[in-house]
Amino acid sequence: MAWRVIQANGGAFFVTNDSPVCFHEYYGFVKPESEFIFPLAARMTLFGCWQRHVGAPKIWLDKRVVRKFHGRPK
């Protein structure tokens, strides 16, 4: 699984709750389409997926994109 640390920019924050890992239940963790996010801190989250990523292991996102992360189903 490819791992990335995603950092929020510009006043955006990642939130957590009693079940902090967010993923699509339909895909689970073993299908090629599987992805998950796990907040590490208010401005940082861990992102994992099976697709190979090219580039830096640390990514910065703006407020608009961070909001989309919060809208993902559990």
N, C-alpha and C. Protein backbone atom coordinates (compact mmCIF):
# COMPACT_ATOMS: atom_id res chain seq x y z
N MET A 1 0.85 -1.17 0.00
CA MET A 1 0.00 0.00 0.00
C MET A 1 0.90 1.24 0.00
N ALA A 2 0.54 2.22 -0.82
CA ALA A 2 1.28 3.49 -0.86
C ALA A 2 0.77 4.39 0.26
N TRP A 3 1.67 5.06 0.94
CA TRP A 3 1.33 5.92 2.07
C TRP A 3 1.76 7.35 1.77
N ARG A 4 0.90 8.29 2.09
CA ARG A 4 1.20 9.71 1.94
C ARG A 4 0.77 10.45 3.19
N VAL A 5 1.54 11.43 3.57
CA VAL A 5 1.12 12.34 4.64
C VAL A 5 0.56 13.57 3.95
N ILE A 6 -0.68 13.90 4.29
CA ILE A 6 -1.35 15.05 3.67
C ILE A 6 -1.49 16.14 4.72
N GLN A 7 -1.07 17.34 4.37
CA GLN A 7 -1.13 18.47 5.28
C GLN A 7 -2.11 19.50 4.77
N ALA A 8 -2.95 20.02 5.67
CA ALA A 8 -3.95 21.04 5.31
C ALA A 8 -3.31 22.41 5.34
N ASN A 9 -3.63 23.24 4.37
CA ASN A 9 -3.14 24.62 4.29
C ASN A 9 -4.29 25.60 4.44
N GLY A 10 -3.97 26.84 4.67
CA GLY A 10 -4.93 27.93 4.62
C GLY A 10 -6.11 27.83 5.56
N GLY A 11 -5.90 27.49 6.80
CA GLY A 11 -6.98 27.46 7.77
C GLY A 11 -7.85 26.22 7.74
N ALA A 12 -7.49 25.23 6.96
CA ALA A 12 -8.26 23.98 6.91
C ALA A 12 -7.76 23.03 8.00
N PHE A 13 -8.67 22.19 8.50
CA PHE A 13 -8.32 21.24 9.54
C PHE A 13 -8.99 19.89 9.27
N PHE A 14 -8.32 18.83 9.66
CA PHE A 14 -8.91 17.50 9.62
C PHE A 14 -9.57 17.24 10.96
N VAL A 15 -10.72 16.61 10.94
CA VAL A 15 -11.43 16.30 12.18
C VAL A 15 -11.49 14.79 12.38
N THR A 16 -11.69 14.38 13.61
CA THR A 16 -11.78 12.97 13.92
C THR A 16 -12.96 12.73 14.86
N ASN A 17 -13.26 11.47 15.11
CA ASN A 17 -14.35 11.12 16.00
C ASN A 17 -14.02 9.77 16.65
N ASP A 18 -15.04 9.04 17.11
CA ASP A 18 -14.80 7.77 17.77
C ASP A 18 -14.21 6.70 16.85
N SER A 19 -14.46 6.81 15.57
CA SER A 19 -13.86 5.87 14.61
C SER A 19 -13.08 6.71 13.59
N PRO A 20 -11.82 6.99 13.88
CA PRO A 20 -11.06 7.97 13.09
C PRO A 20 -10.69 7.54 11.68
N VAL A 21 -10.62 6.24 11.39
CA VAL A 21 -10.25 5.81 10.04
C VAL A 21 -11.45 5.96 9.12
N CYS A 22 -11.26 6.63 8.01
CA CYS A 22 -12.33 6.86 7.05
C CYS A 22 -11.99 6.10 5.77
N PHE A 23 -12.88 5.22 5.33
CA PHE A 23 -12.67 4.45 4.11
C PHE A 23 -14.02 4.07 3.52
N HIS A 24 -14.02 3.62 2.27
CA HIS A 24 -15.24 3.16 1.62
C HIS A 24 -15.47 1.70 2.00
N GLU A 25 -16.54 1.42 2.73
CA GLU A 25 -16.82 0.05 3.17
C GLU A 25 -16.99 -0.91 2.00
N TYR A 26 -17.53 -0.44 0.90
CA TYR A 26 -17.73 -1.29 -0.26
C TYR A 26 -16.40 -1.88 -0.74
N TYR A 27 -15.36 -1.05 -0.77
CA TYR A 27 -14.05 -1.51 -1.22
C TYR A 27 -13.24 -2.20 -0.13
N GLY A 28 -13.49 -1.86 1.13
CA GLY A 28 -12.70 -2.43 2.21
C GLY A 28 -11.25 -1.98 2.11
N PHE A 29 -10.33 -2.89 2.45
CA PHE A 29 -8.90 -2.55 2.41
C PHE A 29 -8.11 -3.37 1.40
N VAL A 30 -8.72 -4.33 0.72
CA VAL A 30 -7.94 -5.23 -0.13
C VAL A 30 -8.14 -5.04 -1.63
N LYS A 31 -9.15 -4.31 -2.06
CA LYS A 31 -9.37 -4.11 -3.49
C LYS A 31 -8.43 -3.03 -4.03
N PRO A 32 -8.13 -3.06 -5.32
CA PRO A 32 -7.24 -2.06 -5.90
C PRO A 32 -7.75 -0.62 -5.74
N GLU A 33 -9.07 -0.46 -5.59
CA GLU A 33 -9.66 0.87 -5.45
C GLU A 33 -9.67 1.36 -3.99
N SER A 34 -9.21 0.54 -3.07
CA SER A 34 -9.27 0.86 -1.64
C SER A 34 -8.41 2.08 -1.30
N GLU A 35 -8.97 2.94 -0.46
CA GLU A 35 -8.26 4.12 0.06
C GLU A 35 -8.72 4.33 1.48
N PHE A 36 -7.89 4.96 2.28
CA PHE A 36 -8.32 5.35 3.62
C PHE A 36 -7.58 6.61 4.04
N ILE A 37 -8.16 7.33 4.99
CA ILE A 37 -7.49 8.45 5.63
C ILE A 37 -7.59 8.27 7.14
N PHE A 38 -6.54 8.69 7.83
CA PHE A 38 -6.48 8.59 9.28
C PHE A 38 -5.85 9.87 9.80
N PRO A 39 -6.63 10.76 10.44
CA PRO A 39 -6.07 12.01 10.96
C PRO A 39 -4.99 11.75 12.00
N LEU A 40 -3.85 12.41 11.81
CA LEU A 40 -2.74 12.32 12.76
C LEU A 40 -2.71 13.52 13.69
N ALA A 41 -3.14 14.66 13.18
CA ALA A 41 -3.19 15.92 13.93
C ALA A 41 -4.22 16.80 13.23
N ALA A 42 -4.49 17.95 13.80
CA ALA A 42 -5.50 18.85 13.23
C ALA A 42 -5.20 19.24 11.79
N ARG A 43 -3.93 19.34 11.43
CA ARG A 43 -3.57 19.77 10.09
C ARG A 43 -2.86 18.70 9.28
N MET A 44 -2.88 17.45 9.77
CA MET A 44 -2.15 16.39 9.08
C MET A 44 -2.92 15.08 9.15
N THR A 45 -2.96 14.36 8.01
CA THR A 45 -3.63 13.07 7.96
C THR A 45 -2.78 12.09 7.17
N LEU A 46 -2.97 10.81 7.44
CA LEU A 46 -2.28 9.76 6.71
C LEU A 46 -3.25 9.23 5.65
N PHE A 47 -2.78 9.12 4.42
CA PHE A 47 -3.59 8.63 3.30
C PHE A 47 -2.93 7.36 2.75
N GLY A 48 -3.71 6.31 2.58
CA GLY A 48 -3.19 5.07 2.03
C GLY A 48 -4.05 4.59 0.88
N CYS A 49 -3.40 4.04 -0.15
CA CYS A 49 -4.12 3.48 -1.28
C CYS A 49 -3.22 2.48 -1.99
N TRP A 50 -3.80 1.66 -2.86
CA TRP A 50 -3.03 0.66 -3.58
C TRP A 50 -2.46 1.19 -4.89
N GLN A 51 -2.93 2.33 -5.38
CA GLN A 51 -2.39 2.89 -6.61
C GLN A 51 -1.00 3.46 -6.34
N ARG A 52 -0.11 3.23 -7.27
CA ARG A 52 1.25 3.76 -7.12
C ARG A 52 1.23 5.26 -7.33
N HIS A 53 1.93 5.96 -6.49
CA HIS A 53 2.02 7.42 -6.60
C HIS A 53 3.42 7.80 -7.04
N VAL A 54 3.48 8.78 -7.90
CA VAL A 54 4.76 9.32 -8.30
C VAL A 54 4.86 10.69 -7.67
N GLY A 55 5.97 10.97 -7.05
CA GLY A 55 6.16 12.28 -6.45
C GLY A 55 6.46 12.17 -4.97
N ALA A 56 6.37 13.29 -4.32
CA ALA A 56 6.74 13.41 -2.91
C ALA A 56 5.76 12.65 -2.01
N PRO A 57 6.27 12.10 -0.90
CA PRO A 57 5.38 11.40 0.04
C PRO A 57 4.59 12.35 0.94
N LYS A 58 4.79 13.66 0.80
CA LYS A 58 4.04 14.63 1.59
C LYS A 58 3.32 15.57 0.63
N ILE A 59 2.02 15.78 0.88
CA ILE A 59 1.17 16.56 -0.02
C ILE A 59 0.47 17.65 0.80
N TRP A 60 0.34 18.85 0.24
CA TRP A 60 -0.40 19.93 0.88
C TRP A 60 -1.69 20.17 0.13
N LEU A 61 -2.81 20.29 0.87
CA LEU A 61 -4.12 20.50 0.27
C LEU A 61 -4.75 21.79 0.79
N ASP A 62 -5.54 22.45 -0.06
CA ASP A 62 -6.24 23.64 0.39
C ASP A 62 -7.58 23.27 1.04
N LYS A 63 -8.25 24.27 1.58
CA LYS A 63 -9.48 24.07 2.35
C LYS A 63 -10.57 23.38 1.54
N ARG A 64 -10.70 23.70 0.28
CA ARG A 64 -11.74 23.11 -0.58
C ARG A 64 -11.57 21.59 -0.69
N VAL A 65 -10.35 21.13 -0.87
CA VAL A 65 -10.10 19.69 -1.01
C VAL A 65 -10.24 18.98 0.33
N VAL A 66 -9.80 19.61 1.41
CA VAL A 66 -9.93 19.01 2.74
C VAL A 66 -11.40 18.78 3.06
N ARG A 67 -12.28 19.70 2.67
CA ARG A 67 -13.72 19.52 2.91
C ARG A 67 -14.24 18.26 2.21
N LYS A 68 -13.70 17.93 1.04
CA LYS A 68 -14.13 16.72 0.32
C LYS A 68 -13.74 15.46 1.10
N PHE A 69 -12.61 15.49 1.78
CA PHE A 69 -12.21 14.36 2.59
C PHE A 69 -13.24 14.10 3.69
N HIS A 70 -13.77 15.16 4.27
CA HIS A 70 -14.75 15.00 5.35
C HIS A 70 -16.08 14.48 4.85
N GLY A 71 -16.35 14.61 3.57
CA GLY A 71 -17.60 14.14 3.02
C GLY A 71 -17.58 12.68 2.60
N ARG A 72 -16.47 11.99 2.76
CA ARG A 72 -16.38 10.58 2.35
C ARG A 72 -17.21 9.71 3.26
N PRO A 73 -17.83 8.68 2.69
CA PRO A 73 -18.61 7.77 3.53
C PRO A 73 -17.72 6.90 4.39
N LYS A 74 -18.29 6.40 5.49
CA LYS A 74 -17.55 5.48 6.36
C LYS A 74 -17.95 4.08 6.03
